[in-house]
C-alpha atoms as a PDB file:
ATOM      1  CA  MET A   1      20.006 -26.286  12.394  1.00  0.00           C
ATOM      2  CA  MET A   2      16.919 -24.796   9.867  1.00  0.00           C
ATOM      3  CA  LYS A   3      16.128 -26.672   6.914  1.00  0.00           C
ATOM      4  CA  SER A   4      14.388 -25.043   4.088  1.00  0.00           C
ATOM      5  CA  THR A   5      11.561 -26.996   2.680  1.00  0.00           C
ATOM      6  CA  ASP A   6      12.485 -26.463  -0.755  1.00  0.00           C
ATOM      7  CA  ASN A   7      15.742 -26.815  -3.003  1.00  0.00           C
ATOM      8  CA  VAL A   8      16.782 -23.195  -2.277  1.00  0.00           C
ATOM      9  CA  PRO A   9      19.701 -23.695   0.318  1.00  0.00           C
ATOM     10  CA  LEU A  10      19.331 -20.954   3.914  1.00  0.00           C
ATOM     11  CA  VAL A  11      21.224 -17.942   4.154  1.00  0.00           C
ATOM     12  CA  GLU A  12      22.138 -19.083   7.432  1.00  0.00           C
ATOM     13  CA  ASP A  13      23.434 -22.540   5.884  1.00  0.00           C
ATOM     14  CA  GLY A  14      26.073 -20.802   4.127  1.00  0.00           C
ATOM     15  CA  CYS A  15      24.091 -19.431   0.816  1.00  0.00           C
ATOM     16  CA  ASP A  16      25.708 -16.106   0.152  1.00  0.00           C
ATOM     17  CA  THR A  17      22.903 -14.158  -1.452  1.00  0.00           C
ATOM     18  CA  PRO A  18      19.354 -14.872  -0.729  1.00  0.00           C
ATOM     19  CA  ASN A  19      17.084 -15.009  -3.694  1.00  0.00           C
ATOM     20  CA  PRO A  20      16.003 -11.471  -5.156  1.00  0.00           C
ATOM     21  CA  VAL A  21      12.053 -10.916  -4.340  1.00  0.00           C
ATOM     22  CA  ARG A  22      11.273 -10.153  -8.589  1.00  0.00           C
ATOM     23  CA  LEU A  23       7.985  -7.550  -9.155  1.00  0.00           C
ATOM     24  CA  THR A  24       5.762  -8.660 -11.983  1.00  0.00           C
ATOM     25  CA  ILE A  25       4.836  -5.678 -14.209  1.00  0.00           C
ATOM     26  CA  TRP A  26       1.418  -5.378 -12.515  1.00  0.00           C
ATOM     27  CA  HIS A  27       2.888  -5.063  -9.318  1.00  0.00           C
ATOM     28  CA  LYS A  28       5.361  -2.183 -10.567  1.00  0.00           C
ATOM     29  CA  VAL A  29       1.984  -0.632 -12.144  1.00  0.00           C
ATOM     30  CA  LEU A  30      -0.073  -0.905  -9.241  1.00  0.00           C
ATOM     31  CA  PHE A  31       3.152   0.634  -7.328  1.00  0.00           C
ATOM     32  CA  TYR A  32       3.320   3.630  -9.542  1.00  0.00           C
ATOM     33  CA  LEU A  33      -0.599   4.167  -9.981  1.00  0.00           C
ATOM     34  CA  VAL A  34      -0.734   4.271  -5.861  1.00  0.00           C
ATOM     35  CA  GLY A  35       2.518   6.776  -5.726  1.00  0.00           C
ATOM     36  CA  LEU A  36       0.667   8.951  -8.704  1.00  0.00           C
ATOM     37  CA  THR A  37      -2.753   8.828  -6.698  1.00  0.00           C
ATOM     38  CA  ALA A  38      -0.796   9.929  -3.198  1.00  0.00           C
ATOM     39  CA  ALA A  39       1.357  12.445  -5.306  1.00  0.00           C
ATOM     40  CA  LEU A  40      -2.124  13.849  -7.089  1.00  0.00           C
ATOM     41  CA  THR A  41      -3.670  13.849  -3.329  1.00  0.00           C
ATOM     42  CA  ILE A  42      -0.778  16.125  -1.789  1.00  0.00           C
ATOM     43  CA  CYS A  43      -0.877  18.633  -4.762  1.00  0.00           C
ATOM     44  CA  LEU A  44      -4.844  19.039  -4.224  1.00  0.00           C
ATOM     45  CA  LEU A  45      -4.398  19.607  -0.950  1.00  0.00           C
ATOM     46  CA  ILE A  46      -1.952  22.240  -1.136  1.00  0.00           C
ATOM     47  CA  ARG A  47      -4.115  24.164  -3.964  1.00  0.00           C
ATOM     48  CA  LEU A  48      -7.461  23.989  -1.703  1.00  0.00           C
ATOM     49  CA  SER A  49      -5.408  25.081   1.314  1.00  0.00           C
ATOM     50  CA  ASN A  50      -3.793  28.072  -0.682  1.00  0.00           C
ATOM     51  CA  LYS A  51      -7.553  28.875  -1.676  1.00  0.00           C
ATOM     52  CA  LEU A  52      -8.403  28.868   1.668  1.00  0.00           C
ATOM     53  CA  ALA A  53      -5.644  31.225   2.661  1.00  0.00           C
ATOM     54  CA  ALA A  54      -6.758  33.696  -0.114  1.00  0.00           C
ATOM     55  CA  ASP A  55     -10.079  33.411   0.894  1.00  0.00           C
ATOM     56  CA  ALA A  56      -9.423  34.589   4.740  1.00  0.00           C
ATOM     57  CA  GLN A  57      -7.071  36.773   3.578  1.00  0.00           C
ATOM     58  CA  ARG A  58      -9.655  38.620   1.595  1.00  0.00           C
ATOM     59  CA  ARG A  59     -12.076  38.639   4.113  1.00  0.00           C
ATOM     60  CA  ALA A  60      -9.663  39.590   6.901  1.00  0.00           C
ATOM     61  CA  MET A  61      -9.000  43.035   4.800  1.00  0.00           C
ATOM     62  CA  MET A  62     -12.821  43.317   3.887  1.00  0.00           C
ATOM     63  CA  HIS A  63     -13.333  43.637   7.361  1.00  0.00           C
ATOM     64  CA  PHE A  64     -10.763  45.667   8.411  1.00  0.00           C
ATOM     65  CA  LYS A  65     -11.309  48.054   5.458  1.00  0.00           C
ATOM     66  CA  GLU A  66     -14.884  48.034   7.051  1.00  0.00           C
ATOM     67  CA  ILE A  67     -13.592  48.688  10.201  1.00  0.00           C
ATOM     68  CA  SER A  68     -11.826  51.911   9.067  1.00  0.00           C
ATOM     69  CA  ASN A  69     -14.958  53.293   7.571  1.00  0.00           C
ATOM     70  CA  ARG A  70     -16.673  53.249  10.481  1.00  0.00           C
ATOM     71  CA  ILE A  71     -14.004  55.386  12.272  1.00  0.00           C
ATOM     72  CA  GLY A  72     -13.418  57.595   9.542  1.00  0.00           C
ATOM     73  CA  HIS A  73     -17.334  58.701   9.645  1.00  0.00           C
ATOM     74  CA  ARG A  74     -16.930  59.005  13.132  1.00  0.00           C
ATOM     75  CA  PHE A  75     -14.378  61.994  13.018  1.00  0.00           C
ATOM     76  CA  ASP A  76     -15.750  63.569   9.991  1.00  0.00           C
ATOM     77  CA  ASN A  77     -18.063  66.222  11.938  1.00  0.00           C
END
């Protein structure tokens, strides 16, 4: 049988509820800031991805316009 080193009885010994872990205010603030940082990073990555996709789309349109101008001038004789 396991024995506890402090005055709190073990769950295995018949204690119904273990001691709840209490977070201090500093832990709560730290977890909040980590979550906020993660959310802002995700938003920033989505924004950069959208900018890159829009830039790629604009370049593709310019490329196709250039190709269509070359083809149009070939048949203008």
